[in-house]
Protein backbone atom coordinates (compact mmCIF):
# COMPACT_ATOMS: atom_id res chain seq x y z
CA MET A 1 -23.13 125.94 -32.14
CA PHE A 2 -26.62 126.29 -33.08
CA ARG A 3 -29.25 124.77 -31.05
CA LYS A 4 -33.06 124.65 -31.32
CA TYR A 5 -34.83 125.04 -27.51
CA ASP A 6 -38.12 123.30 -27.64
CA VAL A 7 -38.66 124.09 -23.94
CA ALA A 8 -35.53 125.87 -22.70
CA MET A 9 -34.59 124.65 -19.32
CA ASN A 10 -31.71 124.92 -17.27
CA LEU A 11 -30.39 121.46 -16.93
CA LEU A 12 -27.66 120.43 -14.26
CA VAL A 13 -26.02 117.35 -15.61
CA LEU A 14 -24.12 115.06 -13.06
CA SER A 15 -22.30 112.23 -14.60
CA THR A 16 -20.55 109.48 -12.94
CA TRP A 17 -18.21 109.02 -16.09
CA PHE A 18 -15.97 111.75 -18.07
CA PRO A 19 -18.16 111.31 -21.11
CA TYR A 20 -15.61 111.76 -23.77
CA PRO A 21 -14.28 109.97 -25.43
CA PRO A 22 -17.39 107.59 -25.52
CA ASP A 23 -15.14 104.64 -25.02
CA ASN A 24 -17.30 102.05 -22.99
CA GLY A 25 -21.01 101.45 -22.28
CA SER A 26 -21.35 104.00 -19.52
CA ARG A 27 -19.77 106.82 -21.63
CA LEU A 28 -21.52 106.21 -24.43
CA ARG A 29 -24.73 106.62 -22.76
CA ALA A 30 -23.95 109.43 -20.84
CA PHE A 31 -22.30 111.30 -24.45
CA HIS A 32 -25.29 110.43 -26.50
CA LEU A 33 -27.66 111.64 -23.71
CA ILE A 34 -25.94 114.87 -23.39
CA ARG A 35 -25.57 115.59 -27.21
CA GLU A 36 -29.34 115.10 -27.78
CA LEU A 37 -30.68 117.04 -24.61
CA ALA A 38 -28.11 119.81 -25.74
CA GLY A 39 -30.16 120.17 -28.72
CA ARG A 40 -33.23 121.01 -26.46
CA HIS A 41 -31.85 122.58 -23.49
CA ARG A 42 -28.98 124.47 -21.89
CA ILE A 43 -26.55 121.88 -19.95
CA ARG A 44 -23.79 122.57 -17.53
CA LEU A 45 -21.94 119.38 -16.79
CA VAL A 46 -20.16 118.14 -13.66
CA ALA A 47 -18.53 114.90 -14.29
CA GLY A 48 -16.33 112.57 -13.04
CA LEU A 49 -12.83 112.62 -14.24
CA GLN A 50 -11.28 109.03 -14.42
CA GLU A 51 -7.61 108.01 -14.32
CA ASP A 52 -7.89 106.60 -17.94
CA VAL A 53 -9.15 109.75 -19.51
CA ALA A 54 -7.02 112.31 -17.37
CA PRO A 55 -4.31 112.09 -19.40
CA GLN A 56 -6.36 112.95 -22.75
CA VAL A 57 -7.94 115.68 -21.08
CA GLY A 58 -4.58 117.30 -19.60
CA GLY A 59 -6.79 119.82 -18.05
CA GLU A 60 -8.62 120.93 -21.27
CA VAL A 61 -12.09 120.33 -21.74
CA PRO A 62 -12.87 118.42 -25.06
CA LYS A 63 -13.95 120.72 -27.53
CA THR A 64 -17.06 118.76 -28.24
CA LEU A 65 -18.12 118.93 -24.84
CA ARG A 66 -17.39 122.50 -24.63
CA GLU A 67 -19.77 122.63 -27.98
CA LEU A 68 -22.69 120.99 -26.08
CA CYS A 69 -22.41 122.32 -22.45
CA GLU A 70 -22.57 125.90 -21.16
CA GLU A 71 -20.28 124.87 -18.75
CA VAL A 72 -18.08 121.81 -17.82
CA VAL A 73 -16.60 120.84 -14.49
CA PRO A 74 -14.41 118.05 -14.44
CA VAL A 75 -13.67 116.40 -10.63
CA PRO A 76 -11.20 113.67 -10.44
CA TRP A 77 -12.78 110.58 -9.62
CA ARG A 78 -12.52 108.09 -6.52
CA TRP A 79 -13.41 104.32 -7.22
CA TYR A 80 -14.13 102.02 -4.33
CA ALA A 81 -11.50 99.23 -4.73
CA ALA A 82 -13.25 96.19 -3.84
CA GLY A 83 -11.04 93.74 -1.65
CA THR A 84 -8.55 95.95 -0.17
CA ALA A 85 -8.58 96.85 3.44
CA GLY A 86 -9.34 100.64 3.25
CA GLY A 87 -11.31 100.45 -0.11
CA GLY A 88 -10.98 104.14 -1.81
CA GLY A 89 -10.78 106.47 0.60
CA GLY A 90 -9.54 104.91 3.87
CA GLY A 91 -11.52 104.41 7.30
CA GLY A 92 -10.85 100.93 7.82
CA GLY A 93 -12.89 97.63 6.89
CA LEU A 94 -13.96 97.48 10.55
CA ARG A 95 -15.72 100.80 10.43
CA ALA A 96 -17.32 99.57 6.75
CA LEU A 97 -18.39 96.29 8.32
CA LEU A 98 -20.01 98.05 11.22
CA SER A 99 -21.64 100.64 9.23
CA LEU A 100 -25.02 100.51 7.72
CA THR A 101 -23.87 102.55 4.84
CA PRO A 102 -22.63 100.35 1.78
CA ARG A 103 -18.90 100.33 1.81
CA SER A 104 -18.34 101.32 -1.54
CA ILE A 105 -20.17 104.58 -0.73
CA LEU A 106 -18.54 105.17 2.54
CA GLU A 107 -15.33 104.82 1.44
CA THR A 108 -15.40 106.97 -1.86
CA ASP A 109 -16.82 110.47 -0.22
CA ASN A 110 -15.22 113.50 -2.13
CA PRO A 111 -15.75 116.80 -0.25
CA ARG A 112 -14.41 118.64 -3.84
CA LEU A 113 -17.33 117.14 -5.79
CA ARG A 114 -20.04 118.20 -3.10
CA SER A 115 -18.49 121.85 -3.28
CA VAL A 116 -18.64 121.61 -6.97
CA ILE A 117 -22.27 120.27 -6.82
CA ASP A 118 -23.35 122.50 -4.05
CA GLU A 119 -21.96 125.81 -6.39
CA GLN A 120 -23.64 124.63 -9.61
CA LEU A 121 -27.01 124.17 -7.59
CA GLY A 122 -26.56 128.14 -6.42
CA LYS A 123 -26.99 129.00 -10.22
CA PRO A 124 -30.37 128.98 -11.89
CA THR A 125 -31.24 125.44 -12.10
CA ASP A 126 -34.71 123.97 -13.62
CA ALA A 127 -33.93 120.29 -13.19
CA VAL A 128 -31.08 118.02 -11.99
CA LEU A 129 -29.93 114.98 -14.04
CA VAL A 130 -27.97 112.72 -12.33
CA LEU A 131 -26.25 109.65 -14.61
CA GLN A 132 -25.84 106.54 -13.29
CA GLN A 133 -25.85 105.89 -9.50
CA GLY A 134 -22.37 106.45 -8.57
CA MET A 135 -23.05 110.36 -8.72
CA ALA A 136 -26.30 110.08 -6.51
CA PRO A 137 -24.67 110.30 -3.11
CA PHE A 138 -23.19 113.36 -3.61
CA LEU A 139 -26.71 115.45 -4.61
CA PRO A 140 -27.72 117.22 -1.14
CA PRO A 141 -30.46 115.53 0.64
CA ALA A 142 -32.95 118.45 0.43
CA VAL A 143 -32.07 119.42 -3.27
CA THR A 144 -34.46 122.26 -4.35
CA PRO A 145 -34.82 121.64 -8.40
CA PRO A 146 -36.59 118.27 -8.99
CA ALA A 147 -33.99 115.76 -9.79
CA VAL A 148 -34.03 112.62 -12.13
CA LEU A 149 -31.81 109.63 -11.48
CA ASP A 150 -30.64 107.80 -14.47
CA GLU A 151 -30.25 103.96 -15.01
CA VAL A 152 -30.58 102.60 -11.65
CA GLU A 153 -29.72 99.10 -11.48
CA VAL A 154 -30.33 96.82 -8.51
CA SER A 155 -30.85 93.23 -10.04
CA GLY A 156 -26.83 92.46 -10.38
CA LEU A 157 -26.87 92.31 -6.19
CA ASP A 158 -29.32 89.50 -6.61
CA GLN A 159 -27.74 87.54 -9.12
CA ALA A 160 -24.56 87.80 -7.19
CA VAL A 161 -26.24 86.58 -4.14
CA ALA A 162 -27.82 83.58 -6.06
CA ALA A 163 -24.79 82.60 -7.68
CA SER A 164 -22.70 82.33 -4.73
CA ARG A 165 -22.30 79.79 -1.73
CA GLY A 166 -20.90 79.56 1.81
CA ARG A 167 -19.30 82.57 3.36
CA ALA A 168 -19.31 84.53 -0.16
CA ARG A 169 -23.23 84.07 -0.25
CA LEU A 170 -23.55 85.68 3.35
CA ARG A 171 -20.67 88.48 2.20
CA HIS A 172 -22.76 89.03 -0.98
CA ALA A 173 -26.15 89.16 1.11
CA LEU A 174 -25.03 91.56 3.47
CA THR A 175 -23.91 93.84 0.60
CA ARG A 176 -27.23 93.24 -0.73
CA TRP A 177 -29.04 94.38 2.24
CA LYS A 178 -26.97 97.60 2.98
CA ALA A 179 -27.57 98.37 -0.59
CA HIS A 180 -31.25 98.11 -0.86
CA ARG A 181 -31.40 99.67 2.69
CA TYR A 182 -29.27 102.59 1.28
CA TRP A 183 -31.08 103.05 -1.87
CA ARG A 184 -34.58 102.52 -0.97
CA SER A 185 -33.78 106.03 1.14
CA ALA A 186 -31.86 107.65 -1.31
CA LEU A 187 -34.30 107.32 -3.99
CA ARG A 188 -36.74 109.57 -2.26
CA ARG A 189 -34.72 112.66 -2.95
CA PHE A 190 -35.31 111.70 -6.51
CA LEU A 191 -38.59 112.89 -8.11
CA ALA A 192 -38.34 110.13 -11.04
CA ALA A 193 -35.89 107.43 -11.77
CA THR A 194 -35.09 105.30 -14.83
CA ALA A 195 -33.95 101.97 -15.66
CA VAL A 196 -32.75 100.47 -19.05
CA SER A 197 -35.34 97.57 -19.01
CA GLU A 198 -38.70 96.91 -17.66
CA ALA A 199 -37.35 93.78 -15.78
CA GLU A 200 -34.79 96.45 -14.25
CA ALA A 201 -37.63 99.05 -13.60
CA ALA A 202 -39.47 96.06 -11.95
CA ALA A 203 -36.35 95.22 -9.59
CA VAL A 204 -36.21 98.73 -8.57
CA ARG A 205 -39.84 98.96 -7.90
CA ARG A 206 -39.58 95.94 -5.69
CA MET A 207 -36.69 97.11 -3.91
CA ALA A 208 -38.00 100.65 -3.35
CA GLY A 209 -41.42 98.65 -2.15
CA MET A 210 -43.18 100.81 -4.98
CA GLY A 211 -46.58 99.22 -6.68
CA THR A 212 -45.97 97.84 -10.15
CA GLY A 213 -48.06 100.44 -11.60
CA ASP A 214 -45.64 102.94 -9.64
CA PRO A 215 -44.85 105.89 -12.34
CA GLY A 216 -41.41 106.66 -10.56
CA VAL A 217 -39.48 104.10 -12.44
CA ALA A 218 -39.66 104.90 -16.22
CA VAL A 219 -37.75 102.83 -19.03
CA ILE A 220 -35.23 104.71 -20.72
CA PRO A 221 -33.35 102.08 -22.61
CA ASN A 222 -29.88 101.97 -23.87
CA GLY A 223 -29.28 103.03 -27.63
CA VAL A 224 -27.16 103.43 -30.52
CA ASP A 225 -26.56 105.88 -33.01
CA VAL A 226 -28.18 104.38 -35.86
CA ARG A 227 -26.72 106.87 -38.48
CA ALA A 228 -23.00 106.06 -37.99
CA TYR A 229 -23.24 102.27 -38.47
CA ARG A 230 -24.16 101.10 -42.09
CA ARG A 231 -22.29 97.79 -43.12
CA GLU A 232 -19.59 98.03 -45.56
CA ALA A 233 -20.12 95.07 -48.32
CA GLY A 234 -17.64 92.48 -49.14
CA ARG A 235 -15.13 92.77 -45.86
CA THR A 236 -16.68 89.78 -44.18
CA VAL A 237 -14.00 87.43 -43.18
CA PRO A 238 -15.18 83.62 -43.49
CA GLY A 239 -15.95 82.36 -39.96
CA ARG A 240 -15.02 85.10 -37.89
CA LEU A 241 -17.12 85.62 -34.77
CA LEU A 242 -16.91 88.90 -32.95
CA TYR A 243 -17.48 89.86 -29.07
CA ASN A 244 -17.41 93.36 -28.35
CA GLY A 245 -16.71 93.95 -24.82
CA ALA A 246 -13.98 94.37 -22.74
CA LEU A 247 -12.51 91.75 -20.47
CA THR A 248 -11.78 93.77 -17.57
CA TYR A 249 -15.61 93.84 -16.90
CA GLY A 250 -16.13 90.27 -15.09
CA PRO A 251 -19.27 89.10 -16.96
CA ASN A 252 -17.51 89.81 -20.00
CA LEU A 253 -14.18 87.37 -19.27
CA GLU A 254 -16.44 84.96 -17.78
CA ALA A 255 -18.71 84.81 -21.15
CA VAL A 256 -15.62 84.66 -23.12
CA ARG A 257 -13.63 81.69 -21.49
CA TRP A 258 -16.93 79.85 -21.30
CA PHE A 259 -17.64 80.42 -25.24
CA ALA A 260 -13.77 79.64 -26.00
CA ALA A 261 -13.86 76.41 -23.51
CA ASP A 262 -17.03 75.07 -24.13
CA VAL A 263 -19.01 76.29 -27.48
CA LEU A 264 -16.18 77.12 -29.77
CA PRO A 265 -14.87 73.82 -30.39
CA LEU A 266 -18.36 72.69 -30.92
CA VAL A 267 -18.52 75.57 -33.84
CA ALA A 268 -15.13 74.42 -35.31
CA ALA A 269 -16.49 70.63 -35.44
CA GLN A 270 -19.05 71.74 -37.86
CA VAL A 271 -17.37 75.04 -39.56
CA PRO A 272 -13.60 74.59 -39.37
CA ASP A 273 -12.62 78.27 -40.21
CA ALA A 274 -14.91 79.51 -37.10
CA HIS A 275 -12.86 81.81 -34.75
CA LEU A 276 -13.27 84.51 -32.00
CA VAL A 277 -12.41 88.37 -32.22
CA VAL A 278 -12.69 89.93 -29.28
CA THR A 279 -12.26 93.46 -28.63
CA GLY A 280 -12.06 95.85 -25.92
CA ARG A 281 -9.82 96.44 -23.09
CA SER A 282 -7.74 93.12 -21.56
CA GLU A 283 -4.37 94.52 -20.23
CA ASN A 284 -3.31 93.24 -16.94
CA LEU A 285 -5.30 90.25 -16.78
CA ALA A 286 -4.41 86.95 -16.15
CA ILE A 287 -6.09 85.44 -19.35
CA ASP A 288 -3.04 83.22 -20.34
CA ASP A 289 -5.71 80.43 -21.57
CA LEU A 290 -7.10 82.93 -23.83
CA ARG A 291 -4.23 84.28 -25.44
CA ALA A 292 -2.76 80.60 -26.22
CA ASP A 293 -6.06 79.56 -27.84
CA PRO A 294 -5.09 79.45 -31.29
CA ARG A 295 -9.09 80.28 -32.21
CA VAL A 296 -9.16 83.43 -30.10
CA ARG A 297 -7.86 86.81 -31.00
CA LEU A 298 -7.58 89.94 -28.47
CA THR A 299 -7.34 92.94 -30.25
CA GLY A 300 -7.61 95.40 -27.07
CA PHE A 301 -9.37 98.35 -27.46
CA LEU A 302 -10.38 99.73 -30.56
CA PRO A 303 -11.27 103.38 -31.09
CA ASP A 304 -13.65 102.76 -33.74
CA LEU A 305 -15.59 99.11 -33.45
CA ARG A 306 -16.92 99.48 -37.33
CA PRO A 307 -14.11 97.92 -39.18
CA ALA A 308 -14.49 95.05 -36.83
CA LEU A 309 -17.89 94.67 -37.20
CA ASP A 310 -17.63 94.86 -41.22
CA GLU A 311 -15.38 91.95 -41.12
CA ALA A 312 -17.33 89.86 -38.67
CA ALA A 313 -19.81 87.02 -39.86
CA LEU A 314 -21.46 86.85 -36.65
CA CYS A 315 -21.75 88.72 -33.43
CA VAL A 316 -21.88 86.41 -30.47
CA VAL A 317 -23.25 87.46 -26.97
CA PRO A 318 -22.68 84.41 -24.50
CA LEU A 319 -23.25 86.41 -21.34
CA ARG A 320 -24.52 84.33 -18.30
CA SER A 321 -24.75 86.90 -16.03
CA GLY A 322 -24.82 90.97 -15.46
CA GLY A 323 -27.78 93.54 -15.95
CA GLY A 324 -28.78 96.64 -18.23
CA THR A 325 -29.38 96.19 -21.69
CA ARG A 326 -26.28 95.15 -24.25
CA LEU A 327 -25.01 98.08 -26.36
CA LYS A 328 -22.92 95.44 -27.87
CA ILE A 329 -26.19 93.92 -29.29
CA LEU A 330 -27.64 97.45 -30.51
CA GLU A 331 -24.06 98.17 -32.16
CA ALA A 332 -24.36 94.94 -34.37
CA PHE A 333 -28.10 95.33 -34.91
CA ALA A 334 -27.41 98.84 -36.55
CA ALA A 335 -24.35 97.32 -38.50
CA GLU A 336 -26.77 94.69 -40.01
CA LEU A 337 -24.43 92.05 -38.19
CA PRO A 338 -26.15 88.85 -37.24
CA VAL A 339 -26.21 88.18 -33.57
CA VAL A 340 -26.57 84.80 -31.57
CA SER A 341 -26.63 85.45 -27.83
CA THR A 342 -27.70 84.06 -24.82
CA SER A 343 -31.26 84.93 -22.86
CA VAL A 344 -28.96 86.88 -20.59
CA GLY A 345 -27.19 88.82 -23.05
CA ALA A 346 -30.26 89.88 -24.87
CA ALA A 347 -32.21 90.57 -21.65
CA GLY A 348 -34.51 93.77 -21.79
CA LEU A 349 -34.21 93.79 -25.57
CA ALA A 350 -37.45 94.00 -27.59
CA ALA A 351 -35.94 91.30 -29.79
CA ARG A 352 -37.45 87.97 -30.76
CA SER A 353 -35.46 84.87 -31.12
CA GLY A 354 -35.78 83.70 -34.80
CA GLU A 355 -37.11 87.39 -36.00
CA HIS A 356 -34.14 89.51 -34.79
CA LEU A 357 -31.53 87.17 -33.71
CA LEU A 358 -30.95 83.72 -32.44
CA LEU A 359 -30.88 82.72 -28.75
CA ALA A 360 -29.54 79.59 -26.89
CA ASP A 361 -28.66 78.75 -23.59
CA THR A 362 -26.48 75.36 -23.55
CA PRO A 363 -23.14 75.01 -25.38
CA ARG A 364 -24.39 72.50 -27.62
CA ASP A 365 -27.62 74.80 -28.72
CA LEU A 366 -25.29 78.05 -29.10
CA ALA A 367 -22.74 76.16 -31.07
CA ASP A 368 -25.61 75.03 -33.46
CA GLY A 369 -27.33 78.43 -33.69
CA VAL A 370 -24.11 79.94 -34.56
CA ALA A 371 -22.97 77.25 -36.74
CA ARG A 372 -26.29 77.62 -38.48
CA LEU A 373 -25.95 81.15 -39.46
CA LEU A 374 -22.60 80.46 -40.79
CA GLN A 375 -23.79 77.94 -43.19
CA GLU A 376 -27.12 79.72 -43.92
CA PRO A 377 -25.88 83.19 -45.11
CA GLU A 378 -29.26 84.35 -46.53
CA ARG A 379 -31.22 83.45 -43.23
CA ALA A 380 -28.32 85.62 -41.61
CA ARG A 381 -29.11 88.58 -43.52
CA THR A 382 -32.63 88.30 -43.01
CA LEU A 383 -32.36 88.59 -39.34
CA ALA A 384 -29.73 91.23 -39.28
CA ARG A 385 -32.31 93.28 -41.63
CA ARG A 386 -35.10 92.87 -39.54
CA ALA A 387 -32.50 93.90 -36.38
CA ARG A 388 -31.49 97.22 -38.18
CA HIS A 389 -35.43 97.89 -38.51
CA LEU A 390 -35.71 97.23 -35.11
CA VAL A 391 -33.19 99.86 -33.72
CA GLU A 392 -34.08 102.31 -36.38
CA GLU A 393 -37.65 102.38 -34.91
CA ARG A 394 -37.02 101.84 -31.23
CA TYR A 395 -33.25 102.31 -30.21
CA ASP A 396 -32.01 105.08 -31.81
CA TRP A 397 -30.46 107.93 -29.24
CA SER A 398 -32.41 110.87 -30.58
CA ALA A 399 -36.17 109.00 -30.08
CA ILE A 400 -34.61 107.84 -26.44
CA SER A 401 -33.64 111.18 -25.58
CA ALA A 402 -36.82 112.59 -26.34
CA THR A 403 -38.62 110.42 -23.99
CA LEU A 404 -35.87 111.29 -21.33
CA SER A 405 -36.17 115.02 -22.31
CA ASP A 406 -40.11 114.52 -21.95
CA LEU A 407 -39.65 113.01 -18.35
CA LEU A 408 -37.63 115.87 -17.36
CA GLU A 409 -40.26 118.52 -18.24
CA ARG A 410 -43.05 116.53 -16.77
CA CYS A 411 -40.72 116.78 -13.37
CA VAL A 412 -40.36 120.36 -13.82
CA ALA A 413 -44.16 121.03 -14.38
CA MET A 414 -44.85 118.89 -11.41
CA GLU A 415 -42.68 120.49 -8.97
CA ARG A 416 -43.92 124.12 -9.98
CA ARG A 417 -47.64 122.99 -9.73
CA ASN A 418 -46.67 121.36 -6.13
CA THR A 419 -44.92 124.80 -5.07
CA ALA A 420 -47.48 127.23 -6.65
């Protein structure tokens, strides 16, 4: 495979998620960053191998990853099983309760993963890029090459405390305290960290005790492969609303339930053929209420979302919790699909209500916004065209990865100056 190395660095990339196939938001980010960085640098990849992709891999590294990376080492991943007596790796609830280390980290230690990372660090390495916090605990404390931690997120813990009451609030507060204590210390082993929005970066700086102007946390937003999306005309189904998100993620399920119960009936009163299509995984969930709703259709996971985007009249993002920036909105923008969202749903994006999308936070306002765009297709098309232009300028993966590459190169240069 032809590569053009601008500044040829040897990068060790540690990915929490196995990045292929890129079938959820975390894998999409990992895959596209690796793909773009591979055009600039030599990459060795150590990736967690989750149970849902292990049968597809079947012991063979996918050709796509072999072409991008000099070496790929999958290691079976262990998730923390919240709410179980022993979590993901034994040790018991009492030990976890008394430990100052968060239970999600204490009970998911992986000696095999530590051994693989140590072995890789013994090879020529200019910098280490850690994709997502799940992999960070496995990096040795005194790692020699400069390390960058990508996509730090802490605001979700604050939201969980604020949204809970009574004993649950105390439990969430203890979890937050332990997590903040742990990550304040863990971040010291990284020369830089990134967050997907300025709001999340500010939350990380507050948690870590950094000043507001501290350059240690850079904003590297989520993106979209703009070239892969081009809306196919003539396929739109009247009244079709799309929510592209797995219901196995709690905030997505909460959003869809709220929209189906409190918003969709108000939309249907104005636009009788309005209905909601939800893509993404929904297996093994107690969602009989959604399955029985005649205005809601659950497709399950779709390997290619683009036909669903072509058939939709609008994308709705009624999220009321959760952090990060929304790949679902960026995909809709790239496909020139108009978007109506809550403020939380569009948090972190440089999109303005009335210019690129419509924002609303109450059932009535959200329903009126959806109905208005269904009834005014020219206004909807104008928003969609502006949104496509926005992602072309600011959210294409090629531009985002160039910013990340620059950060890595600056960290290497800084480390070399410090050790000269």
